[in-house]
Amino acid sequence: MADSSVDLVAFVGLGAMGAPMCVNLAAKSPVPVLAYDLNADAMASAVHAGAMRAQDLATVAEADIIFVCVPGEDETRAVCLGIGGLCDQARPEQIVVDCTTATVAVNLDVAEALTSKGA
């Protein structure tokens, strides 16, 4: 993203907050939007609205901007800090937006892991 362009956006978590944000952006943005959720119905709804299905977090990690909209602290740790999670795969200048209700301590752990990768 050295030229400040955004070529791909992704959402992890398609619940009460993530689904409407993903669907709205997929419908209105010229930038492709990836959607990822463990719930098959949530994924199908997002794809029907114009998002592209991400098969796994590795696919999500290809995005320039990633919105994490999972329910809580445990899910945030798994998605961001778990083995093969977003922090493991982060790259310089990538942006990860935390829309969760995780504690400040978890957010600081995620921020530290992302910063170490230049994200």
C-alpha atoms as a PDB file:
ATOM      1  CA  MET A   1       0.000   0.000   0.000  1.00  0.00           C
ATOM      2  CA  ALA A   2       2.949   2.336  -0.454  1.00  0.00           C
ATOM      3  CA  ASP A   3       0.948   4.324  -2.998  1.00  0.00           C
ATOM      4  CA  SER A   4      -1.929   4.599  -0.472  1.00  0.00           C
ATOM      5  CA  SER A   5      -4.290   2.643  -2.688  1.00  0.00           C
ATOM      6  CA  VAL A   6      -6.811   0.210  -1.298  1.00  0.00           C
ATOM      7  CA  ASP A   7      -7.429  -2.735  -3.589  1.00  0.00           C
ATOM      8  CA  LEU A   8      -9.259  -5.091  -1.236  1.00  0.00           C
ATOM      9  CA  VAL A   9     -11.252  -4.769   2.006  1.00  0.00           C
ATOM     10  CA  ALA A  10     -12.293  -7.642   4.285  1.00  0.00           C
ATOM     11  CA  PHE A  11     -14.679  -8.282   7.156  1.00  0.00           C
ATOM     12  CA  VAL A  12     -14.217 -11.006   9.772  1.00  0.00           C
ATOM     13  CA  GLY A  13     -17.433 -11.570  11.669  1.00  0.00           C
ATOM     14  CA  LEU A  14     -20.802 -11.068  10.026  1.00  0.00           C
ATOM     15  CA  GLY A  15     -23.037 -10.672  13.044  1.00  0.00           C
ATOM     16  CA  ALA A  16     -25.129  -7.738  14.242  1.00  0.00           C
ATOM     17  CA  MET A  17     -22.442  -5.180  13.434  1.00  0.00           C
ATOM     18  CA  GLY A  18     -20.229  -6.804  10.806  1.00  0.00           C
ATOM     19  CA  ALA A  19     -22.963  -7.972   8.434  1.00  0.00           C
ATOM     20  CA  PRO A  20     -24.574  -4.578   7.779  1.00  0.00           C
ATOM     21  CA  MET A  21     -21.208  -2.858   7.431  1.00  0.00           C
ATOM     22  CA  CYS A  22     -19.952  -5.527   5.022  1.00  0.00           C
ATOM     23  CA  VAL A  23     -23.144  -5.563   2.959  1.00  0.00           C
ATOM     24  CA  ASN A  24     -23.277  -1.764   2.738  1.00  0.00           C
ATOM     25  CA  LEU A  25     -19.666  -1.484   1.637  1.00  0.00           C
ATOM     26  CA  ALA A  26     -19.996  -4.375  -0.830  1.00  0.00           C
ATOM     27  CA  ALA A  27     -23.014  -2.698  -2.419  1.00  0.00           C
ATOM     28  CA  LYS A  28     -21.556   0.804  -2.657  1.00  0.00           C
ATOM     29  CA  SER A  29     -17.788   0.519  -2.944  1.00  0.00           C
ATOM     30  CA  PRO A  30     -15.790   0.178  -6.145  1.00  0.00           C
ATOM     31  CA  VAL A  31     -13.291  -1.815  -4.064  1.00  0.00           C
ATOM     32  CA  PRO A  32     -13.934  -5.572  -3.739  1.00  0.00           C
ATOM     33  CA  VAL A  33     -15.028  -6.715  -0.280  1.00  0.00           C
ATOM     34  CA  LEU A  34     -14.218 -10.109   1.255  1.00  0.00           C
ATOM     35  CA  ALA A  35     -16.491 -11.653   3.882  1.00  0.00           C
ATOM     36  CA  TYR A  36     -15.546 -14.323   6.420  1.00  0.00           C
ATOM     37  CA  ASP A  37     -17.625 -15.934   9.153  1.00  0.00           C
ATOM     38  CA  LEU A  38     -17.967 -19.420  10.587  1.00  0.00           C
ATOM     39  CA  ASN A  39     -21.747 -19.185  10.108  1.00  0.00           C
ATOM     40  CA  ALA A  40     -22.623 -20.411   6.602  1.00  0.00           C
ATOM     41  CA  ASP A  41     -25.902 -18.464   6.498  1.00  0.00           C
ATOM     42  CA  ALA A  42     -24.149 -15.206   7.364  1.00  0.00           C
ATOM     43  CA  MET A  43     -21.592 -15.867   4.641  1.00  0.00           C
ATOM     44  CA  ALA A  44     -24.303 -16.645   2.091  1.00  0.00           C
ATOM     45  CA  SER A  45     -26.132 -13.397   2.877  1.00  0.00           C
ATOM     46  CA  ALA A  46     -22.979 -11.323   2.457  1.00  0.00           C
ATOM     47  CA  VAL A  47     -22.102 -13.033  -0.819  1.00  0.00           C
ATOM     48  CA  HIS A  48     -25.656 -12.552  -2.071  1.00  0.00           C
ATOM     49  CA  ALA A  49     -25.259  -8.822  -1.337  1.00  0.00           C
ATOM     50  CA  GLY A  50     -22.088  -8.606  -3.416  1.00  0.00           C
ATOM     51  CA  ALA A  51     -19.219  -9.540  -1.121  1.00  0.00           C
ATOM     52  CA  MET A  52     -16.728 -12.236  -2.090  1.00  0.00           C
ATOM     53  CA  ARG A  53     -16.424 -15.343   0.080  1.00  0.00           C
ATOM     54  CA  ALA A  54     -13.129 -15.681   1.945  1.00  0.00           C
ATOM     55  CA  GLN A  55     -12.346 -19.335   2.579  1.00  0.00           C
ATOM     56  CA  ASP A  56     -10.088 -18.704   5.570  1.00  0.00           C
ATOM     57  CA  LEU A  57      -8.090 -16.099   7.479  1.00  0.00           C
ATOM     58  CA  ALA A  58      -5.211 -16.458   5.024  1.00  0.00           C
ATOM     59  CA  THR A  59      -7.526 -15.161   2.305  1.00  0.00           C
ATOM     60  CA  VAL A  60      -8.726 -12.348   4.580  1.00  0.00           C
ATOM     61  CA  ALA A  61      -5.097 -11.397   5.252  1.00  0.00           C
ATOM     62  CA  GLU A  62      -4.701 -10.494   1.574  1.00  0.00           C
ATOM     63  CA  ALA A  63      -6.877  -7.403   2.149  1.00  0.00           C
ATOM     64  CA  ASP A  64      -5.426  -3.932   2.591  1.00  0.00           C
ATOM     65  CA  ILE A  65      -7.992  -3.041   5.259  1.00  0.00           C
ATOM     66  CA  ILE A  66      -9.543  -5.655   7.558  1.00  0.00           C
ATOM     67  CA  PHE A  67     -12.506  -4.993   9.856  1.00  0.00           C
ATOM     68  CA  VAL A  68     -12.694  -7.420  12.789  1.00  0.00           C
ATOM     69  CA  CYS A  69     -16.275  -7.614  14.087  1.00  0.00           C
ATOM     70  CA  VAL A  70     -16.255 -10.730  16.246  1.00  0.00           C
ATOM     71  CA  PRO A  71     -18.321 -11.035  19.462  1.00  0.00           C
ATOM     72  CA  GLY A  72     -15.726 -10.806  22.214  1.00  0.00           C
ATOM     73  CA  GLU A  73     -12.322 -11.227  23.724  1.00  0.00           C
ATOM     74  CA  ASP A  74     -11.850 -14.960  23.081  1.00  0.00           C
ATOM     75  CA  GLU A  75     -12.827 -14.593  19.428  1.00  0.00           C
ATOM     76  CA  THR A  76     -10.582 -11.543  19.032  1.00  0.00           C
ATOM     77  CA  ARG A  77      -7.633 -13.477  20.448  1.00  0.00           C
ATOM     78  CA  ALA A  78      -8.313 -16.433  18.151  1.00  0.00           C
ATOM     79  CA  VAL A  79      -8.777 -14.360  14.985  1.00  0.00           C
ATOM     80  CA  CYS A  80      -5.951 -11.924  15.601  1.00  0.00           C
ATOM     81  CA  LEU A  81      -3.429 -13.639  17.880  1.00  0.00           C
ATOM     82  CA  GLY A  82      -4.053 -17.334  17.226  1.00  0.00           C
ATOM     83  CA  ILE A  83      -1.773 -19.521  15.128  1.00  0.00           C
ATOM     84  CA  GLY A  84      -2.363 -18.516  11.517  1.00  0.00           C
ATOM     85  CA  GLY A  85      -4.315 -15.493  12.713  1.00  0.00           C
ATOM     86  CA  LEU A  86      -4.285 -12.028  11.237  1.00  0.00           C
ATOM     87  CA  CYS A  87      -1.272 -10.871  13.252  1.00  0.00           C
ATOM     88  CA  ASP A  88       0.815 -13.821  12.028  1.00  0.00           C
ATOM     89  CA  GLN A  89       0.023 -12.846   8.455  1.00  0.00           C
ATOM     90  CA  ALA A  90       0.091  -9.049   8.787  1.00  0.00           C
ATOM     91  CA  ARG A  91       2.217  -7.022   6.412  1.00  0.00           C
ATOM     92  CA  PRO A  92       3.574  -3.475   6.430  1.00  0.00           C
ATOM     93  CA  GLU A  93       0.995  -0.711   6.049  1.00  0.00           C
ATOM     94  CA  GLN A  94      -1.940  -3.094   6.327  1.00  0.00           C
ATOM     95  CA  ILE A  95      -4.778  -1.656   8.419  1.00  0.00           C
ATOM     96  CA  VAL A  96      -6.753  -3.751  10.905  1.00  0.00           C
ATOM     97  CA  VAL A  97      -9.826  -2.071  12.402  1.00  0.00           C
ATOM     98  CA  ASP A  98     -11.035  -3.590  15.667  1.00  0.00           C
ATOM     99  CA  CYS A  99     -14.817  -3.265  16.017  1.00  0.00           C
ATOM    100  CA  THR A 100     -14.994  -5.737  18.898  1.00  0.00           C
ATOM    101  CA  THR A 101     -15.753  -5.364  22.584  1.00  0.00           C
ATOM    102  CA  ALA A 102     -12.426  -6.873  23.624  1.00  0.00           C
ATOM    103  CA  THR A 103     -10.636  -5.417  26.624  1.00  0.00           C
ATOM    104  CA  VAL A 104      -7.927  -2.797  26.376  1.00  0.00           C
ATOM    105  CA  ALA A 105      -5.381  -5.469  27.346  1.00  0.00           C
ATOM    106  CA  VAL A 106      -6.320  -7.638  24.361  1.00  0.00           C
ATOM    107  CA  ASN A 107      -6.350  -4.618  22.058  1.00  0.00           C
ATOM    108  CA  LEU A 108      -2.852  -3.680  23.228  1.00  0.00           C
ATOM    109  CA  ASP A 109      -1.636  -7.242  22.576  1.00  0.00           C
ATOM    110  CA  VAL A 110      -3.092  -7.105  19.067  1.00  0.00           C
ATOM    111  CA  ALA A 111      -1.633  -3.649  18.446  1.00  0.00           C
ATOM    112  CA  GLU A 112       1.819  -4.792  19.564  1.00  0.00           C
ATOM    113  CA  ALA A 113       1.702  -7.863  17.317  1.00  0.00           C
ATOM    114  CA  LEU A 114       0.557  -5.811  14.317  1.00  0.00           C
ATOM    115  CA  THR A 115       3.120  -3.072  14.932  1.00  0.00           C
ATOM    116  CA  SER A 116       5.897  -5.654  15.003  1.00  0.00           C
ATOM    117  CA  LYS A 117       4.912  -6.521  11.411  1.00  0.00           C
ATOM    118  CA  GLY A 118       4.698  -2.877  10.324  1.00  0.00           C
ATOM    119  CA  ALA A 119       0.915  -2.959  10.103  1.00  0.00           C
END
